[in-house]
Protein backbone atom coordinates (compact mmCIF):
# COMPACT_ATOMS: atom_id res chain seq x y z
CA MET A 1 -2.57 23.09 -0.31
CA LYS A 2 -2.23 24.09 -3.83
CA ILE A 3 -4.38 23.06 -6.54
CA LYS A 4 -3.58 23.30 -10.15
CA GLN A 5 -6.20 23.84 -12.48
CA ASP A 6 -4.99 21.35 -15.16
CA THR A 7 -6.41 19.89 -18.44
CA PHE A 8 -6.37 16.26 -19.45
CA LYS A 9 -4.68 16.80 -22.79
CA PHE A 10 -1.97 14.18 -23.25
CA ASP A 11 1.07 16.55 -23.30
CA MET A 12 4.54 16.06 -22.19
CA ASP A 13 3.82 16.32 -18.16
CA LYS A 14 0.97 13.80 -18.60
CA GLN A 15 2.91 11.46 -20.98
CA ALA A 16 6.03 11.72 -17.98
CA HIS A 17 3.15 10.78 -15.21
CA PHE A 18 1.64 7.91 -17.27
CA GLY A 19 5.36 6.70 -18.47
CA VAL A 20 6.99 6.88 -14.85
CA SER A 21 3.86 5.16 -13.51
CA PHE A 22 3.85 2.32 -15.98
CA GLY A 23 7.58 1.62 -15.04
CA LEU A 24 7.74 1.68 -11.48
CA TYR A 25 4.89 -0.92 -11.32
CA TYR A 26 7.82 -2.99 -13.14
CA PHE A 27 10.64 -1.66 -10.84
CA PHE A 28 8.41 -2.81 -7.79
CA PHE A 29 7.33 -6.15 -9.09
CA THR A 30 11.22 -6.67 -9.52
CA TYR A 31 11.79 -6.73 -6.34
CA THR A 32 8.56 -7.91 -4.46
CA THR A 33 6.97 -10.34 -6.91
CA ASP A 34 3.45 -9.76 -6.10
CA ILE A 35 1.07 -7.87 -8.36
CA LEU A 36 -1.28 -6.08 -6.02
CA VAL A 37 1.99 -4.90 -3.77
CA SER A 38 3.57 -3.65 -6.76
CA LEU A 39 0.37 -1.78 -7.90
CA LEU A 40 -0.42 -0.49 -4.67
CA PHE A 41 3.36 1.19 -4.23
CA SER A 42 3.39 2.49 -7.59
CA VAL A 43 0.17 4.48 -6.77
CA LEU A 44 1.25 5.46 -3.70
CA VAL A 45 4.47 6.95 -4.83
CA GLY A 46 2.40 9.12 -7.57
CA LEU A 47 0.26 9.90 -4.87
CA GLY A 48 2.91 11.28 -2.61
CA PHE A 49 4.54 13.15 -5.37
CA GLU A 50 1.33 14.68 -6.38
CA ILE A 51 0.91 15.56 -2.59
CA TYR A 52 4.41 16.81 -2.27
CA GLN A 53 3.90 19.18 -5.40
CA GLY A 54 0.58 20.30 -3.85
CA TYR A 55 2.65 21.94 -0.81
CA SER A 56 6.25 22.57 -2.88
CA LYS A 57 6.69 26.41 -3.69
CA LYS A 58 8.90 25.15 -6.51
CA HIS A 59 6.19 23.21 -8.17
CA SER A 60 2.66 24.42 -9.46
CA GLY A 61 0.43 22.34 -7.27
CA PHE A 62 -1.53 19.27 -6.87
CA SER A 63 -2.84 17.88 -9.89
CA VAL A 64 -6.04 15.78 -10.01
CA ALA A 65 -5.55 15.29 -13.92
CA ASP A 66 -1.73 13.62 -13.48
CA ILE A 67 -2.83 11.27 -10.74
CA ILE A 68 -5.41 9.80 -13.31
CA TYR A 69 -2.60 9.27 -15.68
CA ASN A 70 -0.61 7.97 -13.09
CA ILE A 71 -3.42 5.50 -12.04
CA SER A 72 -4.00 4.85 -15.71
CA GLY A 73 -0.02 4.18 -16.29
CA VAL A 74 0.06 1.40 -13.36
CA ILE A 75 -3.50 -0.16 -14.51
CA ILE A 76 -2.17 -0.39 -18.02
CA ALA A 77 0.99 -2.19 -16.62
CA VAL A 78 -1.00 -4.37 -14.80
CA ILE A 79 -3.27 -5.70 -17.33
CA LEU A 80 -0.35 -6.13 -20.33
CA HIS A 81 2.03 -8.13 -17.46
CA ILE A 82 -1.37 -10.46 -16.26
CA ASN A 83 -2.17 -11.22 -20.07
CA VAL A 84 1.47 -11.37 -21.50
């Protein structure tokens, strides 16, 4: 597995990871109506994609920073969902 040397700078890539994970939570909640299951599925999709990027020759590698932004997007979505 190739591990990418990455920064935590909130650039376009990190914004995409955050936004897609945020949206995935609501996508899964629409079909499951279960907050924990939606949270879990969203995190697993993000993790699965990062693992794929780590092994793919078309991508630059696995990024811990991307995982953190994926998880952050899901957590913010859950917090907003619970508090609205």
